[in-house]
Amino acid sequence: MAKDCSYEELITLGGTRTRSLRFRRPTPSPLGHKGLLRFAHHLLDKYNKQHRITSRQLKNENELRKRDEQKDTS
């Protein structure tokens, strides 16, 4: 006996997309490549800010050491 299929059972929720993952193409990111570039730029800025802070701290520590050494020698 043939099973009676309705049209609604054959339609996927996504519209024209097939349910079979084998035939699906990867969907692009909604942000596209610009979203990735913005994210990478954000990470680079964050790294640079942290690096500048540590460089300043090291510079200040070195200056303090030099001052202490000069005081000890005088």
PDB file of N, CA and C in Angstrom:
ATOM      1  N   MET A   1       0.839  -1.167   0.000  1.00  0.00           N
ATOM      2  CA  MET A   1       0.000   0.000   0.000  1.00  0.00           C
ATOM      3  C   MET A   1       0.894   1.243   0.000  1.00  0.00           C
ATOM      4  N   ALA A   2       0.638   2.199  -0.847  1.00  0.00           N
ATOM      5  CA  ALA A   2       1.448   3.407  -0.965  1.00  0.00           C
ATOM      6  C   ALA A   2       1.102   4.366   0.160  1.00  0.00           C
ATOM      7  N   LYS A   3       2.130   4.936   0.701  1.00  0.00           N
ATOM      8  CA  LYS A   3       1.933   5.900   1.771  1.00  0.00           C
ATOM      9  C   LYS A   3       1.566   7.238   1.143  1.00  0.00           C
ATOM     10  N   ASP A   4       0.567   7.891   1.669  1.00  0.00           N
ATOM     11  CA  ASP A   4       0.103   9.162   1.140  1.00  0.00           C
ATOM     12  C   ASP A   4       0.913  10.287   1.789  1.00  0.00           C
ATOM     13  N   CYS A   5       1.751  10.986   1.002  1.00  0.00           N
ATOM     14  CA  CYS A   5       2.585  12.086   1.510  1.00  0.00           C
ATOM     15  C   CYS A   5       1.945  13.407   1.133  1.00  0.00           C
ATOM     16  N   SER A   6       1.902  14.290   2.078  1.00  0.00           N
ATOM     17  CA  SER A   6       1.376  15.614   1.780  1.00  0.00           C
ATOM     18  C   SER A   6       2.527  16.528   1.361  1.00  0.00           C
ATOM     19  N   TYR A   7       2.204  17.625   0.745  1.00  0.00           N
ATOM     20  CA  TYR A   7       3.199  18.586   0.280  1.00  0.00           C
ATOM     21  C   TYR A   7       3.942  19.210   1.461  1.00  0.00           C
ATOM     22  N   GLU A   8       3.257  19.400   2.579  1.00  0.00           N
ATOM     23  CA  GLU A   8       3.860  20.025   3.754  1.00  0.00           C
ATOM     24  C   GLU A   8       4.972  19.172   4.350  1.00  0.00           C
ATOM     25  N   GLU A   9       4.882  17.847   4.212  1.00  0.00           N
ATOM     26  CA  GLU A   9       5.911  16.975   4.766  1.00  0.00           C
ATOM     27  C   GLU A   9       7.206  17.051   3.970  1.00  0.00           C
ATOM     28  N   LEU A  10       7.137  17.442   2.712  1.00  0.00           N
ATOM     29  CA  LEU A  10       8.317  17.488   1.861  1.00  0.00           C
ATOM     30  C   LEU A  10       9.074  18.811   1.954  1.00  0.00           C
ATOM     31  N   ILE A  11       8.457  19.836   2.515  1.00  0.00           N
ATOM     32  CA  ILE A  11       9.085  21.147   2.603  1.00  0.00           C
ATOM     33  C   ILE A  11       9.948  21.213   3.863  1.00  0.00           C
ATOM     34  N   THR A  12      11.170  21.690   3.708  1.00  0.00           N
ATOM     35  CA  THR A  12      12.034  21.875   4.877  1.00  0.00           C
ATOM     36  C   THR A  12      11.740  23.230   5.500  1.00  0.00           C
ATOM     37  N   LEU A  13      12.096  23.383   6.738  1.00  0.00           N
ATOM     38  CA  LEU A  13      11.834  24.637   7.434  1.00  0.00           C
ATOM     39  C   LEU A  13      12.654  25.786   6.856  1.00  0.00           C
ATOM     40  N   GLY A  14      13.819  25.486   6.304  1.00  0.00           N
ATOM     41  CA  GLY A  14      14.670  26.530   5.754  1.00  0.00           C
ATOM     42  C   GLY A  14      14.261  26.964   4.363  1.00  0.00           C
ATOM     43  N   GLY A  15      13.211  26.426   3.824  1.00  0.00           N
ATOM     44  CA  GLY A  15      12.767  26.802   2.480  1.00  0.00           C
ATOM     45  C   GLY A  15      13.336  25.866   1.439  1.00  0.00           C
ATOM     46  N   THR A  16      14.263  26.355   0.624  1.00  0.00           N
ATOM     47  CA  THR A  16      14.786  25.554  -0.482  1.00  0.00           C
ATOM     48  C   THR A  16      15.991  24.716  -0.091  1.00  0.00           C
ATOM     49  N   ARG A  17      16.472  24.804   1.109  1.00  0.00           N
ATOM     50  CA  ARG A  17      17.646  24.020   1.516  1.00  0.00           C
ATOM     51  C   ARG A  17      17.279  22.565   1.692  1.00  0.00           C
ATOM     52  N   THR A  18      18.162  21.703   1.280  1.00  0.00           N
ATOM     53  CA  THR A  18      17.942  20.277   1.436  1.00  0.00           C
ATOM     54  C   THR A  18      18.326  19.849   2.847  1.00  0.00           C
ATOM     55  N   ARG A  19      17.717  18.810   3.326  1.00  0.00           N
ATOM     56  CA  ARG A  19      18.042  18.302   4.662  1.00  0.00           C
ATOM     57  C   ARG A  19      19.321  17.488   4.644  1.00  0.00           C
ATOM     58  N   SER A  20      19.688  16.977   3.487  1.00  0.00           N
ATOM     59  CA  SER A  20      20.862  16.125   3.384  1.00  0.00           C
ATOM     60  C   SER A  20      22.132  16.958   3.517  1.00  0.00           C
ATOM     61  N   LEU A  21      22.919  16.684   4.548  1.00  0.00           N
ATOM     62  CA  LEU A  21      24.151  17.431   4.764  1.00  0.00           C
ATOM     63  C   LEU A  21      25.180  17.149   3.675  1.00  0.00           C
ATOM     64  N   ARG A  22      25.056  16.016   3.026  1.00  0.00           N
ATOM     65  CA  ARG A  22      25.991  15.640   1.972  1.00  0.00           C
ATOM     66  C   ARG A  22      25.934  16.621   0.798  1.00  0.00           C
ATOM     67  N   PHE A  23      24.753  17.149   0.519  1.00  0.00           N
ATOM     68  CA  PHE A  23      24.572  18.028  -0.629  1.00  0.00           C
ATOM     69  C   PHE A  23      24.586  19.511  -0.255  1.00  0.00           C
ATOM     70  N   ARG A  24      24.631  19.824   1.001  1.00  0.00           N
ATOM     71  CA  ARG A  24      24.640  21.228   1.417  1.00  0.00           C
ATOM     72  C   ARG A  24      26.019  21.828   1.238  1.00  0.00           C
ATOM     73  N   ARG A  25      26.050  23.066   0.808  1.00  0.00           N
ATOM     74  CA  ARG A  25      27.301  23.812   0.745  1.00  0.00           C
ATOM     75  C   ARG A  25      27.433  24.582   2.055  1.00  0.00           C
ATOM     76  N   PRO A  26      28.648  24.839   2.483  1.00  0.00           N
ATOM     77  CA  PRO A  26      28.798  25.607   3.723  1.00  0.00           C
ATOM     78  C   PRO A  26      28.212  27.005   3.566  1.00  0.00           C
ATOM     79  N   THR A  27      27.490  27.425   4.569  1.00  0.00           N
ATOM     80  CA  THR A  27      26.876  28.750   4.506  1.00  0.00           C
ATOM     81  C   THR A  27      27.896  29.789   4.953  1.00  0.00           C
ATOM     82  N   PRO A  28      27.921  30.931   4.318  1.00  0.00           N
ATOM     83  CA  PRO A  28      28.880  31.966   4.716  1.00  0.00           C
ATOM     84  C   PRO A  28      28.512  32.582   6.055  1.00  0.00           C
ATOM     85  N   SER A  29      29.502  33.124   6.705  1.00  0.00           N
ATOM     86  CA  SER A  29      29.266  33.815   7.965  1.00  0.00           C
ATOM     87  C   SER A  29      28.450  35.069   7.705  1.00  0.00           C
ATOM     88  N   PRO A  30      27.520  35.415   8.582  1.00  0.00           N
ATOM     89  CA  PRO A  30      26.735  36.629   8.363  1.00  0.00           C
ATOM     90  C   PRO A  30      27.597  37.892   8.361  1.00  0.00           C
ATOM     91  N   LEU A  31      28.737  37.844   9.036  1.00  0.00           N
ATOM     92  CA  LEU A  31      29.621  39.002   9.060  1.00  0.00           C
ATOM     93  C   LEU A  31      30.543  39.042   7.849  1.00  0.00           C
ATOM     94  N   GLY A  32      30.729  37.897   7.212  1.00  0.00           N
ATOM     95  CA  GLY A  32      31.626  37.840   6.068  1.00  0.00           C
ATOM     96  C   GLY A  32      33.076  37.988   6.491  1.00  0.00           C
ATOM     97  N   HIS A  33      33.954  38.227   5.535  1.00  0.00           N
ATOM     98  CA  HIS A  33      35.375  38.352   5.850  1.00  0.00           C
ATOM     99  C   HIS A  33      35.675  39.640   6.605  1.00  0.00           C
ATOM    100  N   LYS A  34      34.848  40.647   6.471  1.00  0.00           N
ATOM    101  CA  LYS A  34      35.085  41.897   7.201  1.00  0.00           C
ATOM    102  C   LYS A  34      34.913  41.691   8.700  1.00  0.00           C
ATOM    103  N   GLY A  35      33.974  40.830   9.089  1.00  0.00           N
ATOM    104  CA  GLY A  35      33.790  40.544  10.505  1.00  0.00           C
ATOM    105  C   GLY A  35      35.020  39.896  11.101  1.00  0.00           C
ATOM    106  N   LEU A  36      35.646  39.002  10.335  1.00  0.00           N
ATOM    107  CA  LEU A  36      36.861  38.348  10.802  1.00  0.00           C
ATOM    108  C   LEU A  36      38.004  39.351  10.913  1.00  0.00           C
ATOM    109  N   LEU A  37      38.106  40.251   9.937  1.00  0.00           N
ATOM    110  CA  LEU A  37      39.161  41.261   9.983  1.00  0.00           C
ATOM    111  C   LEU A  37      38.971  42.209  11.157  1.00  0.00           C
ATOM    112  N   ARG A  38      37.739  42.580  11.436  1.00  0.00           N
ATOM    113  CA  ARG A  38      37.476  43.464  12.575  1.00  0.00           C
ATOM    114  C   ARG A  38      37.850  42.785  13.880  1.00  0.00           C
ATOM    115  N   PHE A  39      37.523  41.486  13.984  1.00  0.00           N
ATOM    116  CA  PHE A  39      37.838  40.742  15.195  1.00  0.00           C
ATOM    117  C   PHE A  39      39.353  40.635  15.375  1.00  0.00           C
ATOM    118  N   ALA A  40      40.072  40.355  14.282  1.00  0.00           N
ATOM    119  CA  ALA A  40      41.530  40.254  14.354  1.00  0.00           C
ATOM    120  C   ALA A  40      42.137  41.602  14.738  1.00  0.00           C
ATOM    121  N   HIS A  41      41.593  42.683  14.196  1.00  0.00           N
ATOM    122  CA  HIS A  41      42.084  44.025  14.527  1.00  0.00           C
ATOM    123  C   HIS A  41      41.849  44.334  16.006  1.00  0.00           C
ATOM    124  N   HIS A  42      40.692  43.906  16.518  1.00  0.00           N
ATOM    125  CA  HIS A  42      40.377  44.110  17.936  1.00  0.00           C
ATOM    126  C   HIS A  42      41.384  43.363  18.812  1.00  0.00           C
ATOM    127  N   LEU A  43      41.687  42.115  18.454  1.00  0.00           N
ATOM    128  CA  LEU A  43      42.649  41.344  19.240  1.00  0.00           C
ATOM    129  C   LEU A  43      44.039  41.969  19.189  1.00  0.00           C
ATOM    130  N   LEU A  44      44.424  42.466  18.018  1.00  0.00           N
ATOM    131  CA  LEU A  44      45.728  43.095  17.881  1.00  0.00           C
ATOM    132  C   LEU A  44      45.818  44.368  18.718  1.00  0.00           C
ATOM    133  N   ASP A  45      44.762  45.164  18.710  1.00  0.00           N
ATOM    134  CA  ASP A  45      44.741  46.371  19.542  1.00  0.00           C
ATOM    135  C   ASP A  45      44.846  46.025  21.020  1.00  0.00           C
ATOM    136  N   LYS A  46      44.115  44.997  21.419  1.00  0.00           N
ATOM    137  CA  LYS A  46      44.139  44.572  22.819  1.00  0.00           C
ATOM    138  C   LYS A  46      45.545  44.121  23.220  1.00  0.00           C
ATOM    139  N   TYR A  47      46.186  43.352  22.345  1.00  0.00           N
ATOM    140  CA  TYR A  47      47.547  42.893  22.623  1.00  0.00           C
ATOM    141  C   TYR A  47      48.508  44.078  22.718  1.00  0.00           C
ATOM    142  N   ASN A  48      48.387  45.012  21.783  1.00  0.00           N
ATOM    143  CA  ASN A  48      49.282  46.175  21.784  1.00  0.00           C
ATOM    144  C   ASN A  48      49.116  47.009  23.045  1.00  0.00           C
ATOM    145  N   LYS A  49      47.885  47.179  23.502  1.00  0.00           N
ATOM    146  CA  LYS A  49      47.660  47.950  24.724  1.00  0.00           C
ATOM    147  C   LYS A  49      48.313  47.269  25.920  1.00  0.00           C
ATOM    148  N   GLN A  50      48.171  45.954  26.008  1.00  0.00           N
ATOM    149  CA  GLN A  50      48.779  45.221  27.116  1.00  0.00           C
ATOM    150  C   GLN A  50      50.301  45.273  27.016  1.00  0.00           C
ATOM    151  N   HIS A  51      50.811  45.191  25.810  1.00  0.00           N
ATOM    152  CA  HIS A  51      52.262  45.201  25.619  1.00  0.00           C
ATOM    153  C   HIS A  51      52.853  46.558  25.988  1.00  0.00           C
ATOM    154  N   ARG A  52      52.162  47.620  25.638  1.00  0.00           N
ATOM    155  CA  ARG A  52      52.640  48.957  25.991  1.00  0.00           C
ATOM    156  C   ARG A  52      52.681  49.130  27.502  1.00  0.00           C
ATOM    157  N   ILE A  53      51.674  48.604  28.172  1.00  0.00           N
ATOM    158  CA  ILE A  53      51.622  48.723  29.632  1.00  0.00           C
ATOM    159  C   ILE A  53      52.800  47.984  30.256  1.00  0.00           C
ATOM    160  N   THR A  54      53.064  46.773  29.787  1.00  0.00           N
ATOM    161  CA  THR A  54      54.172  46.020  30.361  1.00  0.00           C
ATOM    162  C   THR A  54      55.502  46.672  30.019  1.00  0.00           C
ATOM    163  N   SER A  55      55.612  47.265  28.824  1.00  0.00           N
ATOM    164  CA  SER A  55      56.851  47.956  28.459  1.00  0.00           C
ATOM    165  C   SER A  55      57.072  49.163  29.359  1.00  0.00           C
ATOM    166  N   ARG A  56      56.028  49.899  29.649  1.00  0.00           N
ATOM    167  CA  ARG A  56      56.148  51.049  30.547  1.00  0.00           C
ATOM    168  C   ARG A  56      56.554  50.604  31.938  1.00  0.00           C
ATOM    169  N   GLN A  57      55.931  49.512  32.392  1.00  0.00           N
ATOM    170  CA  GLN A  57      56.262  49.018  33.718  1.00  0.00           C
ATOM    171  C   GLN A  57      57.729  48.612  33.793  1.00  0.00           C
ATOM    172  N   LEU A  58      58.205  47.924  32.761  1.00  0.00           N
ATOM    173  CA  LEU A  58      59.608  47.523  32.745  1.00  0.00           C
ATOM    174  C   LEU A  58      60.525  48.733  32.683  1.00  0.00           C
ATOM    175  N   LYS A  59      60.143  49.718  31.900  1.00  0.00           N
ATOM    176  CA  LYS A  59      60.946  50.936  31.788  1.00  0.00           C
ATOM    177  C   LYS A  59      61.037  51.634  33.142  1.00  0.00           C
ATOM    178  N   ASN A  60      59.909  51.737  33.830  1.00  0.00           N
ATOM    179  CA  ASN A  60      59.897  52.369  35.154  1.00  0.00           C
ATOM    180  C   ASN A  60      60.741  51.581  36.149  1.00  0.00           C
ATOM    181  N   GLU A  61      60.656  50.261  36.094  1.00  0.00           N
ATOM    182  CA  GLU A  61      61.452  49.436  37.002  1.00  0.00           C
ATOM    183  C   GLU A  61      62.940  49.616  36.735  1.00  0.00           C
ATOM    184  N   ASN A  62      63.307  49.670  35.461  1.00  0.00           N
ATOM    185  CA  ASN A  62      64.720  49.870  35.119  1.00  0.00           C
ATOM    186  C   ASN A  62      65.212  51.232  35.583  1.00  0.00           C
ATOM    187  N   GLU A  63      64.391  52.258  35.427  1.00  0.00           N
ATOM    188  CA  GLU A  63      64.774  53.594  35.883  1.00  0.00           C
ATOM    189  C   GLU A  63      64.935  53.620  37.401  1.00  0.00           C
ATOM    190  N   LEU A  64      64.038  52.948  38.112  1.00  0.00           N
ATOM    191  CA  LEU A  64      64.146  52.894  39.572  1.00  0.00           C
ATOM    192  C   LEU A  64      65.413  52.162  39.996  1.00  0.00           C
ATOM    193  N   ARG A  65      65.751  51.085  39.312  1.00  0.00           N
ATOM    194  CA  ARG A  65      66.978  50.351  39.635  1.00  0.00           C
ATOM    195  C   ARG A  65      68.209  51.225  39.421  1.00  0.00           C
ATOM    196  N   LYS A  66      68.211  51.955  38.296  1.00  0.00           N
ATOM    197  CA  LYS A  66      69.351  52.839  38.016  1.00  0.00           C
ATOM    198  C   LYS A  66      69.482  53.911  39.088  1.00  0.00           C
ATOM    199  N   ARG A  67      68.370  54.474  39.522  1.00  0.00           N
ATOM    200  CA  ARG A  67      68.400  55.494  40.577  1.00  0.00           C
ATOM    201  C   ARG A  67      68.937  54.910  41.876  1.00  0.00           C
ATOM    202  N   ASP A  68      68.455  53.697  42.196  1.00  0.00           N
ATOM    203  CA  ASP A  68      68.927  53.046  43.421  1.00  0.00           C
ATOM    204  C   ASP A  68      70.421  52.752  43.342  1.00  0.00           C
ATOM    205  N   GLU A  69      70.896  52.312  42.174  1.00  0.00           N
ATOM    206  CA  GLU A  69      72.321  52.024  42.008  1.00  0.00           C
ATOM    207  C   GLU A  69      73.147  53.304  42.135  1.00  0.00           C
ATOM    208  N   GLN A  70      72.631  54.398  41.583  1.00  0.00           N
ATOM    209  CA  GLN A  70      73.348  55.668  41.675  1.00  0.00           C
ATOM    210  C   GLN A  70      73.405  56.156  43.121  1.00  0.00           C
ATOM    211  N   LYS A  71      72.320  55.946  43.869  1.00  0.00           N
ATOM    212  CA  LYS A  71      72.303  56.348  45.279  1.00  0.00           C
ATOM    213  C   LYS A  71      73.281  55.506  46.085  1.00  0.00           C
ATOM    214  N   ASP A  72      73.354  54.210  45.754  1.00  0.00           N
ATOM    215  CA  ASP A  72      74.254  53.318  46.484  1.00  0.00           C
ATOM    216  C   ASP A  72      75.715  53.653  46.215  1.00  0.00           C
ATOM    217  N   THR A  73      76.029  54.062  44.997  1.00  0.00           N
ATOM    218  CA  THR A  73      77.421  54.383  44.658  1.00  0.00           C
ATOM    219  C   THR A  73      77.841  55.753  45.174  1.00  0.00           C
ATOM    220  N   SER A  74      76.890  56.645  45.447  1.00  0.00           N
ATOM    221  CA  SER A  74      77.273  57.968  45.922  1.00  0.00           C
ATOM    222  C   SER A  74      77.421  58.015  47.415  1.00  0.00           C
TER     223      SER A  74
END
